[in-house]
Amino acid sequence: MDRINREREESEAMVAEAARMMLEINRRHLEEFIITHPDSS
């Protein structure tokens, strides 16, 4: 059970890290998009 819990925590940490990285990529894209398309929706 300790091994299963450790593996689950590791996979949840990997998912959280991937989500954080994706959010950062989207943030950079939006910042660039706002600069290049000032009147966009």
PDB file of all heavy atoms in Angstrom:
ATOM      1  N   MET A   1       0.824  -1.202   0.000  1.00  0.00           N
ATOM      2  CA  MET A   1       0.000   0.000   0.000  1.00  0.00           C
ATOM      3  C   MET A   1       0.866   1.264   0.000  1.00  0.00           C
ATOM      4  O   MET A   1       0.533   2.248  -0.661  1.00  0.00           O
ATOM      5  CB  MET A   1      -0.945   0.008   1.213  1.00  0.00           C
ATOM      6  CG  MET A   1      -2.042  -1.040   1.148  1.00  0.00           C
ATOM      7  SD  MET A   1      -3.010  -0.990  -0.379  1.00  0.00           S
ATOM      8  CE  MET A   1      -3.783   0.603  -0.237  1.00  0.00           C
ATOM      9  N   ASP A   2       1.983   1.233   0.741  1.00  0.00           N
ATOM     10  CA  ASP A   2       2.899   2.369   0.733  1.00  0.00           C
ATOM     11  C   ASP A   2       3.450   2.610  -0.671  1.00  0.00           C
ATOM     12  O   ASP A   2       3.534   3.749  -1.127  1.00  0.00           O
ATOM     13  CB  ASP A   2       4.065   2.143   1.703  1.00  0.00           C
ATOM     14  CG  ASP A   2       3.654   2.277   3.162  1.00  0.00           C
ATOM     15  OD1 ASP A   2       2.555   2.806   3.423  1.00  0.00           O
ATOM     16  OD2 ASP A   2       4.418   1.813   4.031  1.00  0.00           O
ATOM     17  N   ARG A   3       3.816   1.525  -1.358  1.00  0.00           N
ATOM     18  CA  ARG A   3       4.334   1.652  -2.727  1.00  0.00           C
ATOM     19  C   ARG A   3       3.264   2.220  -3.656  1.00  0.00           C
ATOM     20  O   ARG A   3       3.531   3.122  -4.459  1.00  0.00           O
ATOM     21  CB  ARG A   3       4.807   0.293  -3.238  1.00  0.00           C
ATOM     22  CG  ARG A   3       5.391   0.342  -4.643  1.00  0.00           C
ATOM     23  CD  ARG A   3       5.863  -1.020  -5.106  1.00  0.00           C
ATOM     24  NE  ARG A   3       4.933  -2.094  -4.914  1.00  0.00           N
ATOM     25  CZ  ARG A   3       3.891  -2.372  -5.715  1.00  0.00           C
ATOM     26  NH1 ARG A   3       3.666  -1.624  -6.772  1.00  0.00           N
ATOM     27  NH2 ARG A   3       3.096  -3.379  -5.467  1.00  0.00           N
ATOM     28  N   ILE A   4       2.025   1.725  -3.521  1.00  0.00           N
ATOM     29  CA  ILE A   4       0.929   2.216  -4.368  1.00  0.00           C
ATOM     30  C   ILE A   4       0.672   3.694  -4.095  1.00  0.00           C
ATOM     31  O   ILE A   4       0.507   4.494  -5.025  1.00  0.00           O
ATOM     32  CB  ILE A   4      -0.345   1.373  -4.134  1.00  0.00           C
ATOM     33  CG1 ILE A   4      -0.161  -0.022  -4.723  1.00  0.00           C
ATOM     34  CG2 ILE A   4      -1.569   2.047  -4.722  1.00  0.00           C
ATOM     35  CD1 ILE A   4      -1.237  -1.010  -4.334  1.00  0.00           C
ATOM     36  N   ASN A   5       0.644   4.078  -2.812  1.00  0.00           N
ATOM     37  CA  ASN A   5       0.421   5.483  -2.467  1.00  0.00           C
ATOM     38  C   ASN A   5       1.548   6.372  -2.976  1.00  0.00           C
ATOM     39  O   ASN A   5       1.306   7.472  -3.473  1.00  0.00           O
ATOM     40  CB  ASN A   5       0.274   5.643  -0.948  1.00  0.00           C
ATOM     41  CG  ASN A   5      -1.037   5.092  -0.441  1.00  0.00           C
ATOM     42  OD1 ASN A   5      -2.009   5.001  -1.179  1.00  0.00           O
ATOM     43  ND2 ASN A   5      -1.065   4.707   0.817  1.00  0.00           N
ATOM     44  N   ARG A   6       2.791   5.901  -2.866  1.00  0.00           N
ATOM     45  CA  ARG A   6       3.935   6.662  -3.362  1.00  0.00           C
ATOM     46  C   ARG A   6       3.835   6.850  -4.879  1.00  0.00           C
ATOM     47  O   ARG A   6       4.059   7.951  -5.395  1.00  0.00           O
ATOM     48  CB  ARG A   6       5.222   5.925  -2.982  1.00  0.00           C
ATOM     49  CG  ARG A   6       6.373   6.790  -2.645  1.00  0.00           C
ATOM     50  CD  ARG A   6       7.616   6.064  -2.148  1.00  0.00           C
ATOM     51  NE  ARG A   6       7.767   4.675  -2.514  1.00  0.00           N
ATOM     52  CZ  ARG A   6       7.551   3.648  -1.697  1.00  0.00           C
ATOM     53  NH1 ARG A   6       7.164   3.847  -0.474  1.00  0.00           N
ATOM     54  NH2 ARG A   6       7.709   2.406  -2.106  1.00  0.00           N
ATOM     55  N   GLU A   7       3.477   5.781  -5.591  1.00  0.00           N
ATOM     56  CA  GLU A   7       3.352   5.876  -7.051  1.00  0.00           C
ATOM     57  C   GLU A   7       2.220   6.825  -7.437  1.00  0.00           C
ATOM     58  O   GLU A   7       2.352   7.594  -8.391  1.00  0.00           O
ATOM     59  CB  GLU A   7       3.100   4.488  -7.643  1.00  0.00           C
ATOM     60  CG  GLU A   7       4.315   3.586  -7.610  1.00  0.00           C
ATOM     61  CD  GLU A   7       4.011   2.166  -8.051  1.00  0.00           C
ATOM     62  OE1 GLU A   7       2.829   1.856  -8.330  1.00  0.00           O
ATOM     63  OE2 GLU A   7       4.953   1.360  -8.102  1.00  0.00           O
ATOM     64  N   ARG A   8       1.098   6.775  -6.682  1.00  0.00           N
ATOM     65  CA  ARG A   8      -0.019   7.675  -6.971  1.00  0.00           C
ATOM     66  C   ARG A   8       0.385   9.126  -6.728  1.00  0.00           C
ATOM     67  O   ARG A   8       0.091  10.007  -7.539  1.00  0.00           O
ATOM     68  CB  ARG A   8      -1.231   7.312  -6.118  1.00  0.00           C
ATOM     69  CG  ARG A   8      -2.468   8.148  -6.490  1.00  0.00           C
ATOM     70  CD  ARG A   8      -3.670   7.872  -5.635  1.00  0.00           C
ATOM     71  NE  ARG A   8      -3.373   8.271  -4.270  1.00  0.00           N
ATOM     72  CZ  ARG A   8      -3.625   7.540  -3.209  1.00  0.00           C
ATOM     73  NH1 ARG A   8      -4.180   6.358  -3.338  1.00  0.00           N
ATOM     74  NH2 ARG A   8      -3.341   7.966  -2.000  1.00  0.00           N
ATOM     75  N   GLU A   9       1.093   9.388  -5.629  1.00  0.00           N
ATOM     76  CA  GLU A   9       1.546  10.745  -5.343  1.00  0.00           C
ATOM     77  C   GLU A   9       2.509  11.237  -6.425  1.00  0.00           C
ATOM     78  O   GLU A   9       2.434  12.402  -6.838  1.00  0.00           O
ATOM     79  CB  GLU A   9       2.226  10.795  -3.972  1.00  0.00           C
ATOM     80  CG  GLU A   9       1.262  10.662  -2.812  1.00  0.00           C
ATOM     81  CD  GLU A   9       1.957  10.449  -1.476  1.00  0.00           C
ATOM     82  OE1 GLU A   9       3.216  10.411  -1.445  1.00  0.00           O
ATOM     83  OE2 GLU A   9       1.245  10.304  -0.472  1.00  0.00           O
ATOM     84  N   GLU A  10       3.396  10.354  -6.879  1.00  0.00           N
ATOM     85  CA  GLU A  10       4.330  10.740  -7.942  1.00  0.00           C
ATOM     86  C   GLU A  10       3.599  11.067  -9.231  1.00  0.00           C
ATOM     87  O   GLU A  10       3.909  12.050  -9.905  1.00  0.00           O
ATOM     88  CB  GLU A  10       5.348   9.625  -8.178  1.00  0.00           C
ATOM     89  CG  GLU A  10       6.356   9.459  -7.061  1.00  0.00           C
ATOM     90  CD  GLU A  10       7.220   8.215  -7.207  1.00  0.00           C
ATOM     91  OE1 GLU A  10       7.054   7.471  -8.206  1.00  0.00           O
ATOM     92  OE2 GLU A  10       8.067   7.981  -6.328  1.00  0.00           O
ATOM     93  N   SER A  11       2.599  10.241  -9.581  1.00  0.00           N
ATOM     94  CA  SER A  11       1.872  10.497 -10.829  1.00  0.00           C
ATOM     95  C   SER A  11       1.019  11.761 -10.709  1.00  0.00           C
ATOM     96  O   SER A  11       0.915  12.533 -11.664  1.00  0.00           O
ATOM     97  CB  SER A  11       1.014   9.297 -11.228  1.00  0.00           C
ATOM     98  OG  SER A  11       0.020   9.045 -10.275  1.00  0.00           O
ATOM     99  N   GLU A  12       0.426  12.011  -9.515  1.00  0.00           N
ATOM    100  CA  GLU A  12      -0.334  13.249  -9.322  1.00  0.00           C
ATOM    101  C   GLU A  12       0.585  14.460  -9.412  1.00  0.00           C
ATOM    102  O   GLU A  12       0.201  15.495  -9.968  1.00  0.00           O
ATOM    103  CB  GLU A  12      -1.058  13.220  -7.969  1.00  0.00           C
ATOM    104  CG  GLU A  12      -2.241  12.275  -7.936  1.00  0.00           C
ATOM    105  CD  GLU A  12      -2.841  12.113  -6.547  1.00  0.00           C
ATOM    106  OE1 GLU A  12      -2.273  12.654  -5.568  1.00  0.00           O
ATOM    107  OE2 GLU A  12      -3.873  11.436  -6.446  1.00  0.00           O
ATOM    108  N   ALA A  13       1.804  14.340  -8.876  1.00  0.00           N
ATOM    109  CA  ALA A  13       2.773  15.440  -8.959  1.00  0.00           C
ATOM    110  C   ALA A  13       3.167  15.687 -10.411  1.00  0.00           C
ATOM    111  O   ALA A  13       3.309  16.845 -10.835  1.00  0.00           O
ATOM    112  CB  ALA A  13       4.001  15.130  -8.115  1.00  0.00           C
ATOM    113  N   MET A  14       3.322  14.613 -11.189  1.00  0.00           N
ATOM    114  CA  MET A  14       3.666  14.765 -12.608  1.00  0.00           C
ATOM    115  C   MET A  14       2.528  15.452 -13.361  1.00  0.00           C
ATOM    116  O   MET A  14       2.772  16.322 -14.206  1.00  0.00           O
ATOM    117  CB  MET A  14       3.966  13.397 -13.227  1.00  0.00           C
ATOM    118  CG  MET A  14       5.289  12.817 -12.795  1.00  0.00           C
ATOM    119  SD  MET A  14       5.583  11.128 -13.356  1.00  0.00           S
ATOM    120  CE  MET A  14       5.284  11.232 -15.103  1.00  0.00           C
ATOM    121  N   VAL A  15       1.286  15.069 -13.061  1.00  0.00           N
ATOM    122  CA  VAL A  15       0.134  15.690 -13.722  1.00  0.00           C
ATOM    123  C   VAL A  15       0.058  17.171 -13.358  1.00  0.00           C
ATOM    124  O   VAL A  15      -0.167  18.030 -14.218  1.00  0.00           O
ATOM    125  CB  VAL A  15      -1.174  14.956 -13.340  1.00  0.00           C
ATOM    126  CG1 VAL A  15      -2.403  15.742 -13.759  1.00  0.00           C
ATOM    127  CG2 VAL A  15      -1.197  13.565 -13.957  1.00  0.00           C
ATOM    128  N   ALA A  16       0.269  17.478 -12.065  1.00  0.00           N
ATOM    129  CA  ALA A  16       0.228  18.877 -11.631  1.00  0.00           C
ATOM    130  C   ALA A  16       1.335  19.686 -12.304  1.00  0.00           C
ATOM    131  O   ALA A  16       1.118  20.832 -12.721  1.00  0.00           O
ATOM    132  CB  ALA A  16       0.353  18.957 -10.113  1.00  0.00           C
ATOM    133  N   GLU A  17       2.514  19.111 -12.419  1.00  0.00           N
ATOM    134  CA  GLU A  17       3.627  19.801 -13.069  1.00  0.00           C
ATOM    135  C   GLU A  17       3.330  20.024 -14.557  1.00  0.00           C
ATOM    136  O   GLU A  17       3.611  21.095 -15.104  1.00  0.00           O
ATOM    137  CB  GLU A  17       4.919  19.007 -12.886  1.00  0.00           C
ATOM    138  CG  GLU A  17       6.129  19.608 -13.552  1.00  0.00           C
ATOM    139  CD  GLU A  17       6.520  20.978 -13.031  1.00  0.00           C
ATOM    140  OE1 GLU A  17       6.078  21.378 -11.939  1.00  0.00           O
ATOM    141  OE2 GLU A  17       7.269  21.683 -13.742  1.00  0.00           O
ATOM    142  N   ALA A  18       2.753  19.029 -15.208  1.00  0.00           N
ATOM    143  CA  ALA A  18       2.400  19.175 -16.625  1.00  0.00           C
ATOM    144  C   ALA A  18       1.339  20.267 -16.798  1.00  0.00           C
ATOM    145  O   ALA A  18       1.427  21.079 -17.736  1.00  0.00           O
ATOM    146  CB  ALA A  18       1.899  17.847 -17.185  1.00  0.00           C
ATOM    147  N   ALA A  19       0.358  20.307 -15.898  1.00  0.00           N
ATOM    148  CA  ALA A  19      -0.675  21.345 -15.979  1.00  0.00           C
ATOM    149  C   ALA A  19      -0.075  22.724 -15.755  1.00  0.00           C
ATOM    150  O   ALA A  19      -0.433  23.693 -16.438  1.00  0.00           O
ATOM    151  CB  ALA A  19      -1.771  21.066 -14.946  1.00  0.00           C
ATOM    152  N   ARG A  20       0.855  22.837 -14.796  1.00  0.00           N
ATOM    153  CA  ARG A  20       1.514  24.111 -14.536  1.00  0.00           C
ATOM    154  C   ARG A  20       2.319  24.566 -15.758  1.00  0.00           C
ATOM    155  O   ARG A  20       2.275  25.734 -16.155  1.00  0.00           O
ATOM    156  CB  ARG A  20       2.438  23.994 -13.323  1.00  0.00           C
ATOM    157  CG  ARG A  20       3.038  25.330 -12.886  1.00  0.00           C
ATOM    158  CD  ARG A  20       4.213  25.160 -11.963  1.00  0.00           C
ATOM    159  NE  ARG A  20       5.326  24.441 -12.568  1.00  0.00           N
ATOM    160  CZ  ARG A  20       6.170  24.964 -13.473  1.00  0.00           C
ATOM    161  NH1 ARG A  20       6.008  26.193 -13.903  1.00  0.00           N
ATOM    162  NH2 ARG A  20       7.154  24.240 -13.963  1.00  0.00           N
ATOM    163  N   MET A  21       3.033  23.631 -16.374  1.00  0.00           N
ATOM    164  CA  MET A  21       3.821  23.960 -17.566  1.00  0.00           C
ATOM    165  C   MET A  21       2.913  24.388 -18.717  1.00  0.00           C
ATOM    166  O   MET A  21       3.223  25.343 -19.439  1.00  0.00           O
ATOM    167  CB  MET A  21       4.686  22.764 -17.972  1.00  0.00           C
ATOM    168  CG  MET A  21       5.823  22.491 -17.003  1.00  0.00           C
ATOM    169  SD  MET A  21       6.723  20.961 -17.358  1.00  0.00           S
ATOM    170  CE  MET A  21       7.356  21.301 -18.992  1.00  0.00           C
ATOM    171  N   MET A  22       1.779  23.698 -18.886  1.00  0.00           N
ATOM    172  CA  MET A  22       0.848  24.042 -19.962  1.00  0.00           C
ATOM    173  C   MET A  22       0.250  25.425 -19.732  1.00  0.00           C
ATOM    174  O   MET A  22       0.108  26.220 -20.663  1.00  0.00           O
ATOM    175  CB  MET A  22      -0.261  22.981 -20.031  1.00  0.00           C
ATOM    176  CG  MET A  22      -1.070  23.019 -21.274  1.00  0.00           C
ATOM    177  SD  MET A  22      -0.050  22.575 -22.686  1.00  0.00           S
ATOM    178  CE  MET A  22      -0.608  23.769 -23.852  1.00  0.00           C
ATOM    179  N   LEU A  23      -0.059  25.733 -18.477  1.00  0.00           N
ATOM    180  CA  LEU A  23      -0.592  27.048 -18.153  1.00  0.00           C
ATOM    181  C   LEU A  23       0.439  28.141 -18.455  1.00  0.00           C
ATOM    182  O   LEU A  23       0.107  29.201 -18.978  1.00  0.00           O
ATOM    183  CB  LEU A  23      -1.015  27.100 -16.677  1.00  0.00           C
ATOM    184  CG  LEU A  23      -1.763  28.346 -16.230  1.00  0.00           C
ATOM    185  CD1 LEU A  23      -3.058  28.504 -17.020  1.00  0.00           C
ATOM    186  CD2 LEU A  23      -2.055  28.270 -14.743  1.00  0.00           C
ATOM    187  N   GLU A  24       1.691  27.857 -18.172  1.00  0.00           N
ATOM    188  CA  GLU A  24       2.753  28.827 -18.450  1.00  0.00           C
ATOM    189  C   GLU A  24       2.922  29.025 -19.964  1.00  0.00           C
ATOM    190  O   GLU A  24       3.122  30.151 -20.434  1.00  0.00           O
ATOM    191  CB  GLU A  24       4.066  28.366 -17.816  1.00  0.00           C
ATOM    192  CG  GLU A  24       5.174  29.380 -17.882  1.00  0.00           C
ATOM    193  CD  GLU A  24       4.808  30.727 -17.270  1.00  0.00           C
ATOM    194  OE1 GLU A  24       4.081  30.770 -16.258  1.00  0.00           O
ATOM    195  OE2 GLU A  24       5.247  31.757 -17.830  1.00  0.00           O
ATOM    196  N   ILE A  25       2.824  27.950 -20.718  1.00  0.00           N
ATOM    197  CA  ILE A  25       2.896  28.058 -22.185  1.00  0.00           C
ATOM    198  C   ILE A  25       1.729  28.907 -22.709  1.00  0.00           C
ATOM    199  O   ILE A  25       1.905  29.785 -23.551  1.00  0.00           O
ATOM    200  CB  ILE A  25       2.901  26.654 -22.836  1.00  0.00           C
ATOM    201  CG1 ILE A  25       4.222  25.949 -22.541  1.00  0.00           C
ATOM    202  CG2 ILE A  25       2.637  26.733 -24.333  1.00  0.00           C
ATOM    203  CD1 ILE A  25       4.233  24.477 -22.901  1.00  0.00           C
ATOM    204  N   ASN A  26       0.529  28.641 -22.185  1.00  0.00           N
ATOM    205  CA  ASN A  26      -0.649  29.421 -22.599  1.00  0.00           C
ATOM    206  C   ASN A  26      -0.495  30.888 -22.211  1.00  0.00           C
ATOM    207  O   ASN A  26      -0.881  31.784 -22.962  1.00  0.00           O
ATOM    208  CB  ASN A  26      -1.922  28.843 -21.976  1.00  0.00           C
ATOM    209  CG  ASN A  26      -2.302  27.506 -22.567  1.00  0.00           C
ATOM    210  OD1 ASN A  26      -1.823  27.118 -23.631  1.00  0.00           O
ATOM    211  ND2 ASN A  26      -3.158  26.777 -21.876  1.00  0.00           N
ATOM    212  N   ARG A  27       0.072  31.146 -21.022  1.00  0.00           N
ATOM    213  CA  ARG A  27       0.288  32.529 -20.571  1.00  0.00           C
ATOM    214  C   ARG A  27       1.234  33.264 -21.534  1.00  0.00           C
ATOM    215  O   ARG A  27       0.946  34.372 -21.962  1.00  0.00           O
ATOM    216  CB  ARG A  27       0.858  32.537 -19.163  1.00  0.00           C
ATOM    217  CG  ARG A  27       1.160  33.936 -18.618  1.00  0.00           C
ATOM    218  CD  ARG A  27       1.770  33.885 -17.223  1.00  0.00           C
ATOM    219  NE  ARG A  27       0.916  33.251 -16.255  1.00  0.00           N
ATOM    220  CZ  ARG A  27      -0.102  33.840 -15.641  1.00  0.00           C
ATOM    221  NH1 ARG A  27      -0.382  35.100 -15.907  1.00  0.00           N
ATOM    222  NH2 ARG A  27      -0.829  33.185 -14.771  1.00  0.00           N
ATOM    223  N   ARG A  28       2.338  32.623 -21.882  1.00  0.00           N
ATOM    224  CA  ARG A  28       3.284  33.261 -22.812  1.00  0.00           C
ATOM    225  C   ARG A  28       2.640  33.506 -24.172  1.00  0.00           C
ATOM    226  O   ARG A  28       2.826  34.562 -24.784  1.00  0.00           O
ATOM    227  CB  ARG A  28       4.544  32.400 -22.960  1.00  0.00           C
ATOM    228  CG  ARG A  28       5.528  32.665 -21.836  1.00  0.00           C
ATOM    229  CD  ARG A  28       6.863  32.000 -22.059  1.00  0.00           C
ATOM    230  NE  ARG A  28       6.875  30.788 -21.244  1.00  0.00           N
ATOM    231  CZ  ARG A  28       7.196  29.592 -21.661  1.00  0.00           C
ATOM    232  NH1 ARG A  28       7.579  29.391 -22.898  1.00  0.00           N
ATOM    233  NH2 ARG A  28       7.165  28.561 -20.852  1.00  0.00           N
ATOM    234  N   HIS A  29       1.853  32.514 -24.635  1.00  0.00           N
ATOM    235  CA  HIS A  29       1.175  32.673 -25.932  1.00  0.00           C
ATOM    236  C   HIS A  29       0.206  33.847 -25.876  1.00  0.00           C
ATOM    237  O   HIS A  29       0.153  34.663 -26.811  1.00  0.00           O
ATOM    238  CB  HIS A  29       0.442  31.387 -26.308  1.00  0.00           C
ATOM    239  CG  HIS A  29      -0.206  31.452 -27.660  1.00  0.00           C
ATOM    240  ND1 HIS A  29      -1.461  31.987 -27.854  1.00  0.00           N
ATOM    241  CD2 HIS A  29       0.238  31.069 -28.885  1.00  0.00           C
ATOM    242  CE1 HIS A  29      -1.771  31.920 -29.135  1.00  0.00           C
ATOM    243  NE2 HIS A  29      -0.753  31.360 -29.790  1.00  0.00           N
ATOM    244  N   LEU A  30      -0.563  33.955 -24.783  1.00  0.00           N
ATOM    245  CA  LEU A  30      -1.530  35.047 -24.667  1.00  0.00           C
ATOM    246  C   LEU A  30      -0.827  36.397 -24.597  1.00  0.00           C
ATOM    247  O   LEU A  30      -1.267  37.356 -25.245  1.00  0.00           O
ATOM    248  CB  LEU A  30      -2.422  34.845 -23.433  1.00  0.00           C
ATOM    249  CG  LEU A  30      -3.445  35.950 -23.164  1.00  0.00           C
ATOM    250  CD1 LEU A  30      -4.350  36.164 -24.373  1.00  0.00           C
ATOM    251  CD2 LEU A  30      -4.270  35.618 -21.926  1.00  0.00           C
ATOM    252  N   GLU A  31       0.265  36.499 -23.845  1.00  0.00           N
ATOM    253  CA  GLU A  31       1.007  37.763 -23.763  1.00  0.00           C
ATOM    254  C   GLU A  31       1.498  38.190 -25.141  1.00  0.00           C
ATOM    255  O   GLU A  31       1.382  39.363 -25.522  1.00  0.00           O
ATOM    256  CB  GLU A  31       2.181  37.624 -22.792  1.00  0.00           C
ATOM    257  CG  GLU A  31       1.752  37.539 -21.337  1.00  0.00           C
ATOM    258  CD  GLU A  31       2.875  37.130 -20.397  1.00  0.00           C
ATOM    259  OE1 GLU A  31       3.964  36.695 -20.879  1.00  0.00           O
ATOM    260  OE2 GLU A  31       2.671  37.211 -19.172  1.00  0.00           O
ATOM    261  N   GLU A  32       2.032  37.253 -25.922  1.00  0.00           N
ATOM    262  CA  GLU A  32       2.483  37.559 -27.281  1.00  0.00           C
ATOM    263  C   GLU A  32       1.302  37.902 -28.187  1.00  0.00           C
ATOM    264  O   GLU A  32       1.381  38.820 -29.009  1.00  0.00           O
ATOM    265  CB  GLU A  32       3.259  36.377 -27.858  1.00  0.00           C
ATOM    266  CG  GLU A  32       4.596  36.135 -27.190  1.00  0.00           C
ATOM    267  CD  GLU A  32       5.269  34.857 -27.668  1.00  0.00           C
ATOM    268  OE1 GLU A  32       4.798  34.251 -28.658  1.00  0.00           O
ATOM    269  OE2 GLU A  32       6.262  34.454 -27.034  1.00  0.00           O
ATOM    270  N   PHE A  33       0.184  37.179 -28.016  1.00  0.00           N
ATOM    271  CA  PHE A  33      -1.000  37.402 -28.847  1.00  0.00           C
ATOM    272  C   PHE A  33      -1.573  38.797 -28.593  1.00  0.00           C
ATOM    273  O   PHE A  33      -1.973  39.484 -29.530  1.00  0.00           O
ATOM    274  CB  PHE A  33      -2.047  36.320 -28.558  1.00  0.00           C
ATOM    275  CG  PHE A  33      -3.242  36.382 -29.463  1.00  0.00           C
ATOM    276  CD1 PHE A  33      -3.188  35.868 -30.749  1.00  0.00           C
ATOM    277  CD2 PHE A  33      -4.428  36.959 -29.028  1.00  0.00           C
ATOM    278  CE1 PHE A  33      -4.288  35.926 -31.590  1.00  0.00           C
ATOM    279  CE2 PHE A  33      -5.534  37.021 -29.855  1.00  0.00           C
ATOM    280  CZ  PHE A  33      -5.462  36.499 -31.138  1.00  0.00           C
ATOM    281  N   ILE A  34      -1.603  39.216 -27.343  1.00  0.00           N
ATOM    282  CA  ILE A  34      -2.132  40.543 -27.008  1.00  0.00           C
ATOM    283  C   ILE A  34      -1.274  41.641 -27.646  1.00  0.00           C
ATOM    284  O   ILE A  34      -1.792  42.635 -28.151  1.00  0.00           O
ATOM    285  CB  ILE A  34      -2.210  40.712 -25.475  1.00  0.00           C
ATOM    286  CG1 ILE A  34      -3.336  39.848 -24.908  1.00  0.00           C
ATOM    287  CG2 ILE A  34      -2.413  42.169 -25.082  1.00  0.00           C
ATOM    288  CD1 ILE A  34      -3.386  39.804 -23.398  1.00  0.00           C
ATOM    289  N   ILE A  35       0.030  41.427 -27.659  1.00  0.00           N
ATOM    290  CA  ILE A  35       0.936  42.419 -28.261  1.00  0.00           C
ATOM    291  C   ILE A  35       0.758  42.474 -29.775  1.00  0.00           C
ATOM    292  O   ILE A  35       0.669  43.541 -30.372  1.00  0.00           O
ATOM    293  CB  ILE A  35       2.403  42.105 -27.895  1.00  0.00           C
ATOM    294  CG1 ILE A  35       2.614  42.327 -26.401  1.00  0.00           C
ATOM    295  CG2 ILE A  35       3.372  42.946 -28.718  1.00  0.00           C
ATOM    296  CD1 ILE A  35       3.938  41.798 -25.881  1.00  0.00           C
ATOM    297  N   THR A  36       0.662  41.301 -30.408  1.00  0.00           N
ATOM    298  CA  THR A  36       0.566  41.269 -31.879  1.00  0.00           C
ATOM    299  C   THR A  36      -0.848  41.503 -32.397  1.00  0.00           C
ATOM    300  O   THR A  36      -1.017  41.880 -33.552  1.00  0.00           O
ATOM    301  CB  THR A  36       1.077  39.925 -32.431  1.00  0.00           C
ATOM    302  OG1 THR A  36       0.328  38.865 -31.845  1.00  0.00           O
ATOM    303  CG2 THR A  36       2.555  39.748 -32.124  1.00  0.00           C
ATOM    304  N   HIS A  37      -1.860  41.281 -31.568  1.00  0.00           N
ATOM    305  CA  HIS A  37      -3.260  41.470 -31.980  1.00  0.00           C
ATOM    306  C   HIS A  37      -3.974  42.323 -30.921  1.00  0.00           C
ATOM    307  O   HIS A  37      -4.781  41.811 -30.145  1.00  0.00           O
ATOM    308  CB  HIS A  37      -3.980  40.129 -32.132  1.00  0.00           C
ATOM    309  CG  HIS A  37      -3.352  39.196 -33.108  1.00  0.00           C
ATOM    310  ND1 HIS A  37      -2.323  38.344 -32.794  1.00  0.00           N
ATOM    311  CD2 HIS A  37      -3.605  38.987 -34.433  1.00  0.00           C
ATOM    312  CE1 HIS A  37      -1.979  37.645 -33.846  1.00  0.00           C
ATOM    313  NE2 HIS A  37      -2.738  38.022 -34.879  1.00  0.00           N
ATOM    314  N   PRO A  38      -3.713  43.619 -30.907  1.00  0.00           N
ATOM    315  CA  PRO A  38      -4.229  44.460 -29.824  1.00  0.00           C
ATOM    316  C   PRO A  38      -5.753  44.576 -29.764  1.00  0.00           C
ATOM    317  O   PRO A  38      -6.305  44.811 -28.699  1.00  0.00           O
ATOM    318  CB  PRO A  38      -3.587  45.821 -30.078  1.00  0.00           C
ATOM    319  CG  PRO A  38      -3.047  45.785 -31.448  1.00  0.00           C
ATOM    320  CD  PRO A  38      -2.890  44.355 -31.838  1.00  0.00           C
ATOM    321  N   ASP A  39      -6.458  44.384 -30.833  1.00  0.00           N
ATOM    322  CA  ASP A  39      -7.925  44.531 -30.837  1.00  0.00           C
ATOM    323  C   ASP A  39      -8.648  43.190 -30.928  1.00  0.00           C
ATOM    324  O   ASP A  39      -9.832  43.151 -31.266  1.00  0.00           O
ATOM    325  CB  ASP A  39      -8.361  45.412 -32.024  1.00  0.00           C
ATOM    326  CG  ASP A  39      -7.834  46.826 -31.893  1.00  0.00           C
ATOM    327  OD1 ASP A  39      -7.717  47.287 -30.743  1.00  0.00           O
ATOM    328  OD2 ASP A  39      -7.519  47.444 -32.926  1.00  0.00           O
ATOM    329  N   SER A  40      -7.983  42.108 -30.622  1.00  0.00           N
ATOM    330  CA  SER A  40      -8.588  40.775 -30.784  1.00  0.00           C
ATOM    331  C   SER A  40      -9.479  40.414 -29.587  1.00  0.00           C
ATOM    332  O   SER A  40      -9.432  41.038 -28.532  1.00  0.00           O
ATOM    333  CB  SER A  40      -7.486  39.730 -30.933  1.00  0.00           C
ATOM    334  OG  SER A  40      -6.668  39.740 -29.795  1.00  0.00           O
ATOM    335  N   SER A  41     -10.266  39.374 -29.803  1.00  0.00           N
ATOM    336  CA  SER A  41     -11.189  38.897 -28.759  1.00  0.00           C
ATOM    337  C   SER A  41     -10.694  37.559 -28.189  1.00  0.00           C
ATOM    338  O   SER A  41      -9.771  36.933 -28.721  1.00  0.00           O
ATOM    339  CB  SER A  41     -12.586  38.699 -29.360  1.00  0.00           C
ATOM    340  OG  SER A  41     -12.553  37.621 -30.291  1.00  0.00           O
TER     341      SER A  41
END
